PDB file of all heavy atoms in Angstrom:
ATOM      1  N   PRO A   1       0.820  -1.208  -0.006  1.00  0.00           N
ATOM      2  CA  PRO A   1       0.004  -0.001   0.001  1.00  0.00           C
ATOM      3  C   PRO A   1       0.829   1.260   0.008  1.00  0.00           C
ATOM      4  O   PRO A   1       1.935   1.306   0.606  1.00  0.00           O
ATOM      5  CB  PRO A   1      -0.822  -0.108   1.290  1.00  0.00           C
ATOM      6  CG  PRO A   1      -0.840  -1.572   1.607  1.00  0.00           C
ATOM      7  CD  PRO A   1       0.467  -2.104   1.121  1.00  0.00           C
ATOM      8  N   SER A   2       0.367   2.295  -0.647  1.00  0.00           N
ATOM      9  CA  SER A   2       1.138   3.536  -0.822  1.00  0.00           C
ATOM     10  C   SER A   2       1.452   4.272   0.521  1.00  0.00           C
ATOM     11  O   SER A   2       2.403   5.004   0.578  1.00  0.00           O
ATOM     12  CB  SER A   2       0.429   4.490  -1.765  1.00  0.00           C
ATOM     13  OG  SER A   2      -0.844   4.819  -1.225  1.00  0.00           O
ATOM     14  N   GLU A   3       0.648   3.974   1.531  1.00  0.00           N
ATOM     15  CA  GLU A   3       0.881   4.645   2.828  1.00  0.00           C
ATOM     16  C   GLU A   3       1.914   3.900   3.677  1.00  0.00           C
ATOM     17  O   GLU A   3       2.420   4.436   4.653  1.00  0.00           O
ATOM     18  CB  GLU A   3      -0.417   4.849   3.597  1.00  0.00           C
ATOM     19  CG  GLU A   3      -1.107   3.587   4.038  1.00  0.00           C
ATOM     20  CD  GLU A   3      -2.024   2.982   2.983  1.00  0.00           C
ATOM     21  OE1 GLU A   3      -2.079   3.462   1.853  1.00  0.00           O
ATOM     22  OE2 GLU A   3      -2.685   1.966   3.311  1.00  0.00           O
ATOM     23  N   ASP A   4       2.191   2.657   3.361  1.00  0.00           N
ATOM     24  CA  ASP A   4       3.159   1.863   4.111  1.00  0.00           C
ATOM     25  C   ASP A   4       4.589   2.147   3.644  1.00  0.00           C
ATOM     26  O   ASP A   4       4.816   2.449   2.457  1.00  0.00           O
ATOM     27  CB  ASP A   4       2.884   0.360   3.983  1.00  0.00           C
ATOM     28  CG  ASP A   4       1.604  -0.075   4.667  1.00  0.00           C
ATOM     29  OD1 ASP A   4       1.008   0.762   5.375  1.00  0.00           O
ATOM     30  OD2 ASP A   4       1.225  -1.216   4.463  1.00  0.00           O
ATOM     31  N   TYR A   5       5.510   2.040   4.570  1.00  0.00           N
ATOM     32  CA  TYR A   5       6.946   2.254   4.240  1.00  0.00           C
ATOM     33  C   TYR A   5       7.578   0.936   3.799  1.00  0.00           C
ATOM     34  O   TYR A   5       7.217  -0.118   4.300  1.00  0.00           O
ATOM     35  CB  TYR A   5       7.681   2.764   5.477  1.00  0.00           C
ATOM     36  CG  TYR A   5       7.648   4.274   5.630  1.00  0.00           C
ATOM     37  CD1 TYR A   5       6.491   4.872   6.075  1.00  0.00           C
ATOM     38  CD2 TYR A   5       8.737   5.037   5.314  1.00  0.00           C
ATOM     39  CE1 TYR A   5       6.415   6.245   6.221  1.00  0.00           C
ATOM     40  CE2 TYR A   5       8.677   6.413   5.441  1.00  0.00           C
ATOM     41  CZ  TYR A   5       7.524   7.009   5.891  1.00  0.00           C
ATOM     42  OH  TYR A   5       7.470   8.379   6.029  1.00  0.00           O
ATOM     43  N   LEU A   6       8.488   1.048   2.858  1.00  0.00           N
ATOM     44  CA  LEU A   6       9.318  -0.081   2.446  1.00  0.00           C
ATOM     45  C   LEU A   6      10.765   0.305   2.724  1.00  0.00           C
ATOM     46  O   LEU A   6      11.292   1.289   2.172  1.00  0.00           O
ATOM     47  CB  LEU A   6       9.148  -0.382   0.953  1.00  0.00           C
ATOM     48  CG  LEU A   6      10.069  -1.474   0.381  1.00  0.00           C
ATOM     49  CD1 LEU A   6       9.888  -2.798   1.140  1.00  0.00           C
ATOM     50  CD2 LEU A   6       9.819  -1.657  -1.108  1.00  0.00           C
ATOM     51  N   CYS A   7      11.392  -0.401   3.630  1.00  0.00           N
ATOM     52  CA  CYS A   7      12.750  -0.101   4.056  1.00  0.00           C
ATOM     53  C   CYS A   7      13.628  -1.295   3.688  1.00  0.00           C
ATOM     54  O   CYS A   7      13.431  -2.399   4.200  1.00  0.00           O
ATOM     55  CB  CYS A   7      12.824   0.136   5.552  1.00  0.00           C
ATOM     56  SG  CYS A   7      14.461   0.503   6.151  1.00  0.00           S
ATOM     57  N   THR A   8      14.578  -1.077   2.797  1.00  0.00           N
ATOM     58  CA  THR A   8      15.411  -2.153   2.312  1.00  0.00           C
ATOM     59  C   THR A   8      16.843  -2.014   2.813  1.00  0.00           C
ATOM     60  O   THR A   8      17.458  -0.951   2.708  1.00  0.00           O
ATOM     61  CB  THR A   8      15.401  -2.199   0.779  1.00  0.00           C
ATOM     62  OG1 THR A   8      14.060  -2.397   0.351  1.00  0.00           O
ATOM     63  CG2 THR A   8      16.272  -3.306   0.251  1.00  0.00           C
ATOM     64  N   LEU A   9      17.347  -3.112   3.372  1.00  0.00           N
ATOM     65  CA  LEU A   9      18.749  -3.187   3.832  1.00  0.00           C
ATOM     66  C   LEU A   9      19.579  -3.674   2.661  1.00  0.00           C
ATOM     67  O   LEU A   9      19.225  -4.667   2.019  1.00  0.00           O
ATOM     68  CB  LEU A   9      18.863  -4.134   5.008  1.00  0.00           C
ATOM     69  CG  LEU A   9      17.897  -3.931   6.179  1.00  0.00           C
ATOM     70  CD1 LEU A   9      18.222  -4.917   7.301  1.00  0.00           C
ATOM     71  CD2 LEU A   9      17.925  -2.492   6.669  1.00  0.00           C
ATOM     72  N   THR A  10      20.685  -3.000   2.394  1.00  0.00           N
ATOM     73  CA  THR A  10      21.511  -3.367   1.280  1.00  0.00           C
ATOM     74  C   THR A  10      22.988  -3.359   1.649  1.00  0.00           C
ATOM     75  O   THR A  10      23.438  -2.553   2.468  1.00  0.00           O
ATOM     76  CB  THR A  10      21.289  -2.425   0.058  1.00  0.00           C
ATOM     77  OG1 THR A  10      22.136  -2.825  -1.009  1.00  0.00           O
ATOM     78  CG2 THR A  10      21.563  -0.965   0.400  1.00  0.00           C
ATOM     79  N   GLU A  11      23.724  -4.280   1.058  1.00  0.00           N
ATOM     80  CA  GLU A  11      25.164  -4.337   1.261  1.00  0.00           C
ATOM     81  C   GLU A  11      25.913  -3.358   0.338  1.00  0.00           C
ATOM     82  O   GLU A  11      27.082  -3.076   0.546  1.00  0.00           O
ATOM     83  CB  GLU A  11      25.702  -5.771   1.008  1.00  0.00           C
ATOM     84  CG  GLU A  11      25.790  -6.185  -0.428  1.00  0.00           C
ATOM     85  CD  GLU A  11      24.460  -6.484  -1.116  1.00  0.00           C
ATOM     86  OE1 GLU A  11      23.396  -6.429  -0.466  1.00  0.00           O
ATOM     87  OE2 GLU A  11      24.487  -6.809  -2.322  1.00  0.00           O
ATOM     88  N   ARG A  12      25.206  -2.800  -0.631  1.00  0.00           N
ATOM     89  CA  ARG A  12      25.835  -1.923  -1.629  1.00  0.00           C
ATOM     90  C   ARG A  12      25.889  -0.489  -1.134  1.00  0.00           C
ATOM     91  O   ARG A  12      24.890   0.053  -0.706  1.00  0.00           O
ATOM     92  CB  ARG A  12      25.054  -1.990  -2.940  1.00  0.00           C
ATOM     93  CG  ARG A  12      25.813  -1.260  -4.037  1.00  0.00           C
ATOM     94  CD  ARG A  12      25.047  -1.137  -5.320  1.00  0.00           C
ATOM     95  NE  ARG A  12      24.689  -2.419  -5.864  1.00  0.00           N
ATOM     96  CZ  ARG A  12      24.006  -2.537  -7.002  1.00  0.00           C
ATOM     97  NH1 ARG A  12      23.614  -1.462  -7.664  1.00  0.00           N
ATOM     98  NH2 ARG A  12      23.689  -3.718  -7.458  1.00  0.00           N
ATOM     99  N   ALA A  13      27.084   0.094  -1.232  1.00  0.00           N
ATOM    100  CA  ALA A  13      27.242   1.511  -0.890  1.00  0.00           C
ATOM    101  C   ALA A  13      26.613   2.364  -2.006  1.00  0.00           C
ATOM    102  O   ALA A  13      26.560   1.977  -3.139  1.00  0.00           O
ATOM    103  CB  ALA A  13      28.711   1.862  -0.758  1.00  0.00           C
ATOM    104  N   ASN A  14      26.161   3.546  -1.615  1.00  0.00           N
ATOM    105  CA  ASN A  14      25.610   4.483  -2.603  1.00  0.00           C
ATOM    106  C   ASN A  14      26.660   5.530  -2.960  1.00  0.00           C
ATOM    107  O   ASN A  14      27.681   5.624  -2.276  1.00  0.00           O
ATOM    108  CB  ASN A  14      24.322   5.112  -2.078  1.00  0.00           C
ATOM    109  CG  ASN A  14      24.559   5.879  -0.773  1.00  0.00           C
ATOM    110  OD1 ASN A  14      25.108   6.952  -0.789  1.00  0.00           O
ATOM    111  ND2 ASN A  14      24.153   5.273   0.343  1.00  0.00           N
ATOM    112  N   GLU A  15      26.444   6.255  -4.001  1.00  0.00           N
ATOM    113  CA  GLU A  15      27.441   7.176  -4.502  1.00  0.00           C
ATOM    114  C   GLU A  15      27.810   8.273  -3.518  1.00  0.00           C
ATOM    115  O   GLU A  15      28.901   8.843  -3.600  1.00  0.00           O
ATOM    116  CB  GLU A  15      26.995   7.787  -5.846  1.00  0.00           C
ATOM    117  CG  GLU A  15      25.820   8.724  -5.728  1.00  0.00           C
ATOM    118  CD  GLU A  15      25.346   9.246  -7.094  1.00  0.00           C
ATOM    119  OE1 GLU A  15      25.834   8.715  -8.144  1.00  0.00           O
ATOM    120  OE2 GLU A  15      24.517  10.144  -7.115  1.00  0.00           O
ATOM    121  N   ASN A  16      26.921   8.598  -2.606  1.00  0.00           N
ATOM    122  CA  ASN A  16      27.215   9.634  -1.604  1.00  0.00           C
ATOM    123  C   ASN A  16      27.901   9.064  -0.363  1.00  0.00           C
ATOM    124  O   ASN A  16      28.283   9.813   0.511  1.00  0.00           O
ATOM    125  CB  ASN A  16      25.890  10.328  -1.193  1.00  0.00           C
ATOM    126  CG  ASN A  16      25.235  11.033  -2.345  1.00  0.00           C
ATOM    127  OD1 ASN A  16      25.914  11.660  -3.161  1.00  0.00           O
ATOM    128  ND2 ASN A  16      23.933  10.912  -2.423  1.00  0.00           N
ATOM    129  N   ASN A  17      28.017   7.737  -0.314  1.00  0.00           N
ATOM    130  CA  ASN A  17      28.610   7.035   0.835  1.00  0.00           C
ATOM    131  C   ASN A  17      27.830   7.313   2.125  1.00  0.00           C
ATOM    132  O   ASN A  17      28.425   7.437   3.180  1.00  0.00           O
ATOM    133  CB  ASN A  17      30.096   7.355   0.984  1.00  0.00           C
ATOM    134  CG  ASN A  17      30.812   6.279   1.737  1.00  0.00           C
ATOM    135  OD1 ASN A  17      30.388   5.115   1.764  1.00  0.00           O
ATOM    136  ND2 ASN A  17      31.892   6.628   2.415  1.00  0.00           N
ATOM    137  N   TRP A  18      26.525   7.470   2.002  1.00  0.00           N
ATOM    138  CA  TRP A  18      25.643   7.664   3.144  1.00  0.00           C
ATOM    139  C   TRP A  18      25.193   6.303   3.645  1.00  0.00           C
ATOM    140  O   TRP A  18      25.037   5.356   2.890  1.00  0.00           O
ATOM    141  CB  TRP A  18      24.424   8.480   2.762  1.00  0.00           C
ATOM    142  CG  TRP A  18      24.734   9.908   2.376  1.00  0.00           C
ATOM    143  CD1 TRP A  18      25.916  10.575   2.495  1.00  0.00           C
ATOM    144  CD2 TRP A  18      23.813  10.829   1.795  1.00  0.00           C
ATOM    145  NE1 TRP A  18      25.797  11.843   2.043  1.00  0.00           N
ATOM    146  CE2 TRP A  18      24.506  12.036   1.598  1.00  0.00           C
ATOM    147  CE3 TRP A  18      22.485  10.735   1.410  1.00  0.00           C
ATOM    148  CZ2 TRP A  18      23.918  13.159   1.055  1.00  0.00           C
ATOM    149  CZ3 TRP A  18      21.885  11.876   0.867  1.00  0.00           C
ATOM    150  CH2 TRP A  18      22.596  13.070   0.694  1.00  0.00           C
ATOM    151  N   PHE A  19      24.934   6.218   4.941  1.00  0.00           N
ATOM    152  CA  PHE A  19      24.426   4.985   5.487  1.00  0.00           C
ATOM    153  C   PHE A  19      22.961   4.772   5.127  1.00  0.00           C
ATOM    154  O   PHE A  19      22.485   3.622   5.117  1.00  0.00           O
ATOM    155  CB  PHE A  19      24.584   4.961   7.017  1.00  0.00           C
ATOM    156  CG  PHE A  19      25.941   4.507   7.462  1.00  0.00           C
ATOM    157  CD1 PHE A  19      26.790   5.379   8.103  1.00  0.00           C
ATOM    158  CD2 PHE A  19      26.388   3.214   7.175  1.00  0.00           C
ATOM    159  CE1 PHE A  19      28.041   4.950   8.516  1.00  0.00           C
ATOM    160  CE2 PHE A  19      27.660   2.808   7.585  1.00  0.00           C
ATOM    161  CZ  PHE A  19      28.464   3.686   8.235  1.00  0.00           C
ATOM    162  N   SER A  20      22.254   5.838   4.847  1.00  0.00           N
ATOM    163  CA  SER A  20      20.822   5.673   4.533  1.00  0.00           C
ATOM    164  C   SER A  20      20.314   6.896   3.788  1.00  0.00           C
ATOM    165  O   SER A  20      20.944   7.965   3.778  1.00  0.00           O
ATOM    166  CB  SER A  20      20.031   5.473   5.803  1.00  0.00           C
ATOM    167  OG  SER A  20      20.140   6.615   6.654  1.00  0.00           O
ATOM    168  N   GLU A  21      19.141   6.705   3.167  1.00  0.00           N
ATOM    169  CA  GLU A  21      18.466   7.814   2.484  1.00  0.00           C
ATOM    170  C   GLU A  21      16.998   7.444   2.308  1.00  0.00           C
ATOM    171  O   GLU A  21      16.667   6.264   2.142  1.00  0.00           O
ATOM    172  CB  GLU A  21      19.115   8.091   1.129  1.00  0.00           C
ATOM    173  CG  GLU A  21      18.631   9.335   0.483  1.00  0.00           C
ATOM    174  CD  GLU A  21      19.443   9.763  -0.731  1.00  0.00           C
ATOM    175  OE1 GLU A  21      20.463   9.132  -1.028  1.00  0.00           O
ATOM    176  OE2 GLU A  21      19.020  10.736  -1.380  1.00  0.00           O
ATOM    177  N   PHE A  22      16.157   8.442   2.358  1.00  0.00           N
ATOM    178  CA  PHE A  22      14.743   8.194   2.100  1.00  0.00           C
ATOM    179  C   PHE A  22      14.327   8.899   0.810  1.00  0.00           C
ATOM    180  O   PHE A  22      14.935   9.877   0.390  1.00  0.00           O
ATOM    181  CB  PHE A  22      13.830   8.627   3.259  1.00  0.00           C
ATOM    182  CG  PHE A  22      13.872  10.096   3.598  1.00  0.00           C
ATOM    183  CD1 PHE A  22      13.081  11.003   2.932  1.00  0.00           C
ATOM    184  CD2 PHE A  22      14.731  10.554   4.601  1.00  0.00           C
ATOM    185  CE1 PHE A  22      13.093  12.347   3.229  1.00  0.00           C
ATOM    186  CE2 PHE A  22      14.763  11.904   4.911  1.00  0.00           C
ATOM    187  CZ  PHE A  22      13.961  12.810   4.244  1.00  0.00           C
ATOM    188  N   ASP A  23      13.293   8.359   0.185  1.00  0.00           N
ATOM    189  CA  ASP A  23      12.716   8.898  -1.048  1.00  0.00           C
ATOM    190  C   ASP A  23      11.722   9.976  -0.670  1.00  0.00           C
ATOM    191  O   ASP A  23      10.866   9.737   0.170  1.00  0.00           O
ATOM    192  CB  ASP A  23      12.035   7.740  -1.791  1.00  0.00           C
ATOM    193  CG  ASP A  23      11.564   8.111  -3.169  1.00  0.00           C
ATOM    194  OD1 ASP A  23      11.436   9.334  -3.464  1.00  0.00           O
ATOM    195  OD2 ASP A  23      11.293   7.197  -3.950  1.00  0.00           O
ATOM    196  N   GLU A  24      11.839  11.141  -1.256  1.00  0.00           N
ATOM    197  CA  GLU A  24      10.929  12.209  -0.922  1.00  0.00           C
ATOM    198  C   GLU A  24       9.588  12.066  -1.629  1.00  0.00           C
ATOM    199  O   GLU A  24       8.600  12.726  -1.215  1.00  0.00           O
ATOM    200  CB  GLU A  24      11.561  13.554  -1.245  1.00  0.00           C
ATOM    201  CG  GLU A  24      12.763  13.846  -0.339  1.00  0.00           C
ATOM    202  CD  GLU A  24      13.320  15.232  -0.519  1.00  0.00           C
ATOM    203  OE1 GLU A  24      12.585  16.147  -1.003  1.00  0.00           O
ATOM    204  OE2 GLU A  24      14.476  15.434  -0.145  1.00  0.00           O
ATOM    205  N   THR A  25       9.499  11.226  -2.650  1.00  0.00           N
ATOM    206  CA  THR A  25       8.234  11.081  -3.391  1.00  0.00           C
ATOM    207  C   THR A  25       7.390   9.914  -2.942  1.00  0.00           C
ATOM    208  O   THR A  25       6.185   9.935  -3.130  1.00  0.00           O
ATOM    209  CB  THR A  25       8.506  10.948  -4.899  1.00  0.00           C
ATOM    210  OG1 THR A  25       9.267   9.752  -5.131  1.00  0.00           O
ATOM    211  CG2 THR A  25       9.256  12.157  -5.455  1.00  0.00           C
ATOM    212  N   GLU A  26       7.991   8.884  -2.369  1.00  0.00           N
ATOM    213  CA  GLU A  26       7.279   7.720  -1.866  1.00  0.00           C
ATOM    214  C   GLU A  26       7.917   7.285  -0.546  1.00  0.00           C
ATOM    215  O   GLU A  26       9.079   7.567  -0.310  1.00  0.00           O
ATOM    216  CB  GLU A  26       7.379   6.546  -2.855  1.00  0.00           C
ATOM    217  CG  GLU A  26       6.594   6.742  -4.141  1.00  0.00           C
ATOM    218  CD  GLU A  26       6.602   5.471  -4.986  1.00  0.00           C
ATOM    219  OE1 GLU A  26       6.815   4.390  -4.452  1.00  0.00           O
ATOM    220  OE2 GLU A  26       6.386   5.631  -6.181  1.00  0.00           O
ATOM    221  N   PRO A  27       7.162   6.572   0.284  1.00  0.00           N
ATOM    222  CA  PRO A  27       7.738   6.138   1.554  1.00  0.00           C
ATOM    223  C   PRO A  27       8.683   4.940   1.415  1.00  0.00           C
ATOM    224  O   PRO A  27       8.379   3.829   1.784  1.00  0.00           O
ATOM    225  CB  PRO A  27       6.490   5.801   2.430  1.00  0.00           C
ATOM    226  CG  PRO A  27       5.444   5.460   1.437  1.00  0.00           C
ATOM    227  CD  PRO A  27       5.740   6.261   0.193  1.00  0.00           C
ATOM    228  N   ASN A  28       9.824   5.199   0.801  1.00  0.00           N
ATOM    229  CA  ASN A  28      10.867   4.208   0.591  1.00  0.00           C
ATOM    230  C   ASN A  28      12.158   4.658   1.262  1.00  0.00           C
ATOM    231  O   ASN A  28      12.512   5.833   1.216  1.00  0.00           O
ATOM    232  CB  ASN A  28      11.133   4.015  -0.912  1.00  0.00           C
ATOM    233  CG  ASN A  28       9.969   3.438  -1.642  1.00  0.00           C
ATOM    234  OD1 ASN A  28       9.272   2.554  -1.129  1.00  0.00           O
ATOM    235  ND2 ASN A  28       9.704   3.907  -2.853  1.00  0.00           N
ATOM    236  N   ILE A  29      12.857   3.693   1.853  1.00  0.00           N
ATOM    237  CA  ILE A  29      14.120   3.949   2.543  1.00  0.00           C
ATOM    238  C   ILE A  29      15.087   2.858   2.165  1.00  0.00           C
ATOM    239  O   ILE A  29      14.711   1.701   2.057  1.00  0.00           O
ATOM    240  CB  ILE A  29      13.911   3.923   4.078  1.00  0.00           C
ATOM    241  CG1 ILE A  29      12.876   4.972   4.552  1.00  0.00           C
ATOM    242  CG2 ILE A  29      15.228   4.098   4.816  1.00  0.00           C
ATOM    243  CD1 ILE A  29      12.406   4.774   5.972  1.00  0.00           C
ATOM    244  N   PHE A  30      16.364   3.235   1.960  1.00  0.00           N
ATOM    245  CA  PHE A  30      17.390   2.180   1.876  1.00  0.00           C
ATOM    246  C   PHE A  30      18.443   2.453   2.911  1.00  0.00           C
ATOM    247  O   PHE A  30      18.712   3.613   3.276  1.00  0.00           O
ATOM    248  CB  PHE A  30      17.999   2.051   0.472  1.00  0.00           C
ATOM    249  CG  PHE A  30      18.837   3.225   0.024  1.00  0.00           C
ATOM    250  CD1 PHE A  30      20.168   3.349   0.408  1.00  0.00           C
ATOM    251  CD2 PHE A  30      18.310   4.193  -0.813  1.00  0.00           C
ATOM    252  CE1 PHE A  30      20.952   4.405   0.002  1.00  0.00           C
ATOM    253  CE2 PHE A  30      19.082   5.249  -1.244  1.00  0.00           C
ATOM    254  CZ  PHE A  30      20.400   5.360  -0.840  1.00  0.00           C
ATOM    255  N   ILE A  31      19.031   1.382   3.464  1.00  0.00           N
ATOM    256  CA  ILE A  31      20.036   1.492   4.496  1.00  0.00           C
ATOM    257  C   ILE A  31      21.211   0.599   4.138  1.00  0.00           C
ATOM    258  O   ILE A  31      21.044  -0.610   3.870  1.00  0.00           O
ATOM    259  CB  ILE A  31      19.470   1.101   5.863  1.00  0.00           C
ATOM    260  CG1 ILE A  31      18.326   2.057   6.226  1.00  0.00           C
ATOM    261  CG2 ILE A  31      20.576   1.123   6.926  1.00  0.00           C
ATOM    262  CD1 ILE A  31      17.605   1.718   7.461  1.00  0.00           C
ATOM    263  N   HIS A  32      22.428   1.172   4.128  1.00  0.00           N
ATOM    264  CA  HIS A  32      23.646   0.439   3.841  1.00  0.00           C
ATOM    265  C   HIS A  32      24.019  -0.313   5.127  1.00  0.00           C
ATOM    266  O   HIS A  32      24.133   0.282   6.195  1.00  0.00           O
ATOM    267  CB  HIS A  32      24.732   1.407   3.423  1.00  0.00           C
ATOM    268  CG  HIS A  32      25.987   0.737   3.013  1.00  0.00           C
ATOM    269  ND1 HIS A  32      27.184   1.385   3.107  1.00  0.00           N
ATOM    270  CD2 HIS A  32      26.250  -0.482   2.485  1.00  0.00           C
ATOM    271  CE1 HIS A  32      28.137   0.582   2.637  1.00  0.00           C
ATOM    272  NE2 HIS A  32      27.599  -0.557   2.287  1.00  0.00           N
ATOM    273  N   THR A  33      24.259  -1.601   5.013  1.00  0.00           N
ATOM    274  CA  THR A  33      24.474  -2.435   6.195  1.00  0.00           C
ATOM    275  C   THR A  33      25.942  -2.670   6.554  1.00  0.00           C
ATOM    276  O   THR A  33      26.233  -3.290   7.561  1.00  0.00           O
ATOM    277  CB  THR A  33      23.797  -3.817   6.010  1.00  0.00           C
ATOM    278  OG1 THR A  33      24.367  -4.434   4.880  1.00  0.00           O
ATOM    279  CG2 THR A  33      22.312  -3.665   5.859  1.00  0.00           C
ATOM    280  N   GLU A  34      26.859  -2.204   5.714  1.00  0.00           N
ATOM    281  CA  GLU A  34      28.275  -2.486   5.969  1.00  0.00           C
ATOM    282  C   GLU A  34      29.035  -1.215   6.408  1.00  0.00           C
ATOM    283  O   GLU A  34      28.625  -0.107   6.093  1.00  0.00           O
ATOM    284  CB  GLU A  34      28.916  -3.070   4.707  1.00  0.00           C
ATOM    285  CG  GLU A  34      28.302  -4.419   4.352  1.00  0.00           C
ATOM    286  CD  GLU A  34      28.906  -5.037   3.126  1.00  0.00           C
ATOM    287  OE1 GLU A  34      29.709  -4.398   2.429  1.00  0.00           O
ATOM    288  OE2 GLU A  34      28.577  -6.219   2.868  1.00  0.00           O
ATOM    289  N   GLY A  35      30.103  -1.408   7.148  1.00  0.00           N
ATOM    290  CA  GLY A  35      30.952  -0.312   7.549  1.00  0.00           C
ATOM    291  C   GLY A  35      30.630   0.296   8.911  1.00  0.00           C
ATOM    292  O   GLY A  35      31.305   1.250   9.318  1.00  0.00           O
ATOM    293  N   TRP A  36      29.684  -0.277   9.614  1.00  0.00           N
ATOM    294  CA  TRP A  36      29.316   0.295  10.901  1.00  0.00           C
ATOM    295  C   TRP A  36      30.452   0.163  11.921  1.00  0.00           C
ATOM    296  O   TRP A  36      30.555   0.972  12.853  1.00  0.00           O
ATOM    297  CB  TRP A  36      28.044  -0.359  11.431  1.00  0.00           C
ATOM    298  CG  TRP A  36      26.841   0.094  10.651  1.00  0.00           C
ATOM    299  CD1 TRP A  36      26.188  -0.612   9.676  1.00  0.00           C
ATOM    300  CD2 TRP A  36      26.183   1.339  10.741  1.00  0.00           C
ATOM    301  NE1 TRP A  36      25.149   0.133   9.167  1.00  0.00           N
ATOM    302  CE2 TRP A  36      25.129   1.363   9.796  1.00  0.00           C
ATOM    303  CE3 TRP A  36      26.387   2.486  11.543  1.00  0.00           C
ATOM    304  CZ2 TRP A  36      24.270   2.431   9.641  1.00  0.00           C
ATOM    305  CZ3 TRP A  36      25.516   3.564  11.360  1.00  0.00           C
ATOM    306  CH2 TRP A  36      24.483   3.525  10.437  1.00  0.00           C
ATOM    307  N   GLU A  37      31.295  -0.827  11.745  1.00  0.00           N
ATOM    308  CA  GLU A  37      32.380  -1.030  12.717  1.00  0.00           C
ATOM    309  C   GLU A  37      33.384   0.156  12.702  1.00  0.00           C
ATOM    310  O   GLU A  37      34.143   0.360  13.648  1.00  0.00           O
ATOM    311  CB  GLU A  37      33.120  -2.343  12.435  1.00  0.00           C
ATOM    312  CG  GLU A  37      33.869  -2.396  11.139  1.00  0.00           C
ATOM    313  CD  GLU A  37      33.019  -2.807   9.910  1.00  0.00           C
ATOM    314  OE1 GLU A  37      31.776  -2.861  10.022  1.00  0.00           O
ATOM    315  OE2 GLU A  37      33.617  -3.043   8.867  1.00  0.00           O
ATOM    316  N   PHE A  38      33.377   0.954  11.595  1.00  0.00           N
ATOM    317  CA  PHE A  38      34.286   2.082  11.517  1.00  0.00           C
ATOM    318  C   PHE A  38      33.755   3.334  12.234  1.00  0.00           C
ATOM    319  O   PHE A  38      34.533   4.250  12.486  1.00  0.00           O
ATOM    320  CB  PHE A  38      34.580   2.424  10.038  1.00  0.00           C
ATOM    321  CG  PHE A  38      35.257   1.311   9.314  1.00  0.00           C
ATOM    322  CD1 PHE A  38      34.570   0.630   8.311  1.00  0.00           C
ATOM    323  CD2 PHE A  38      36.534   0.922   9.639  1.00  0.00           C
ATOM    324  CE1 PHE A  38      35.190  -0.408   7.662  1.00  0.00           C
ATOM    325  CE2 PHE A  38      37.139  -0.115   8.997  1.00  0.00           C
ATOM    326  CZ  PHE A  38      36.461  -0.813   7.981  1.00  0.00           C
ATOM    327  N   VAL A  39      32.484   3.386  12.531  1.00  0.00           N
ATOM    328  CA  VAL A  39      31.901   4.559  13.184  1.00  0.00           C
ATOM    329  C   VAL A  39      31.422   4.270  14.606  1.00  0.00           C
ATOM    330  O   VAL A  39      31.185   5.215  15.356  1.00  0.00           O
ATOM    331  CB  VAL A  39      30.758   5.172  12.372  1.00  0.00           C
ATOM    332  CG1 VAL A  39      31.285   5.716  11.053  1.00  0.00           C
ATOM    333  CG2 VAL A  39      29.619   4.220  12.138  1.00  0.00           C
ATOM    334  N   MET A  40      31.266   3.029  14.952  1.00  0.00           N
ATOM    335  CA  MET A  40      30.818   2.689  16.309  1.00  0.00           C
ATOM    336  C   MET A  40      32.031   2.443  17.175  1.00  0.00           C
ATOM    337  O   MET A  40      32.890   1.618  16.856  1.00  0.00           O
ATOM    338  CB  MET A  40      29.936   1.445  16.258  1.00  0.00           C
ATOM    339  CG  MET A  40      28.681   1.564  15.417  1.00  0.00           C
ATOM    340  SD  MET A  40      27.603   2.909  15.875  1.00  0.00           S
ATOM    341  CE  MET A  40      27.046   2.408  17.491  1.00  0.00           C
ATOM    342  N   LEU A  41      32.148   3.155  18.288  1.00  0.00           N
ATOM    343  CA  LEU A  41      33.317   3.051  19.144  1.00  0.00           C
ATOM    344  C   LEU A  41      33.345   1.748  19.895  1.00  0.00           C
ATOM    345  O   LEU A  41      34.406   1.190  20.115  1.00  0.00           O
ATOM    346  CB  LEU A  41      33.370   4.240  20.108  1.00  0.00           C
ATOM    347  CG  LEU A  41      33.467   5.611  19.452  1.00  0.00           C
ATOM    348  CD1 LEU A  41      33.425   6.707  20.511  1.00  0.00           C
ATOM    349  CD2 LEU A  41      34.733   5.730  18.642  1.00  0.00           C
ATOM    350  N   ASP A  42      32.220   1.298  20.366  1.00  0.00           N
ATOM    351  CA  ASP A  42      32.156   0.038  21.106  1.00  0.00           C
ATOM    352  C   ASP A  42      31.860  -1.094  20.125  1.00  0.00           C
ATOM    353  O   ASP A  42      31.420  -0.865  19.020  1.00  0.00           O
ATOM    354  CB  ASP A  42      31.046   0.091  22.167  1.00  0.00           C
ATOM    355  CG  ASP A  42      31.386   1.103  23.259  1.00  0.00           C
ATOM    356  OD1 ASP A  42      32.567   1.262  23.585  1.00  0.00           O
ATOM    357  OD2 ASP A  42      30.445   1.732  23.781  1.00  0.00           O
ATOM    358  N   LYS A  43      32.055  -2.275  20.553  1.00  0.00           N
ATOM    359  CA  LYS A  43      31.698  -3.469  19.752  1.00  0.00           C
ATOM    360  C   LYS A  43      30.184  -3.615  19.755  1.00  0.00           C
ATOM    361  O   LYS A  43      29.637  -4.400  20.549  1.00  0.00           O
ATOM    362  CB  LYS A  43      32.397  -4.714  20.291  1.00  0.00           C
ATOM    363  CG  LYS A  43      33.897  -4.651  20.236  1.00  0.00           C
ATOM    364  CD  LYS A  43      34.359  -4.830  18.804  1.00  0.00           C
ATOM    365  CE  LYS A  43      35.874  -4.850  18.837  1.00  0.00           C
ATOM    366  NZ  LYS A  43      36.476  -4.703  17.565  1.00  0.00           N
ATOM    367  N   CYS A  44      29.535  -2.856  18.953  1.00  0.00           N
ATOM    368  CA  CYS A  44      28.091  -2.812  18.943  1.00  0.00           C
ATOM    369  C   CYS A  44      27.597  -3.673  17.761  1.00  0.00           C
ATOM    370  O   CYS A  44      28.114  -3.529  16.640  1.00  0.00           O
ATOM    371  CB  CYS A  44      27.661  -1.366  18.746  1.00  0.00           C
ATOM    372  SG  CYS A  44      25.903  -1.113  18.560  1.00  0.00           S
TER     373      CYS A  44
END
């Protein structure tokens, strides 16, 4: 349904090297799942 969000986890980096981005025209989100160990100080 158009009112529901679709959030996709992906291993692929985007050209901006952002961890995530949302679509301004539809409720869509993508999240990059790799590289978190470089920004998280603790073993999270």
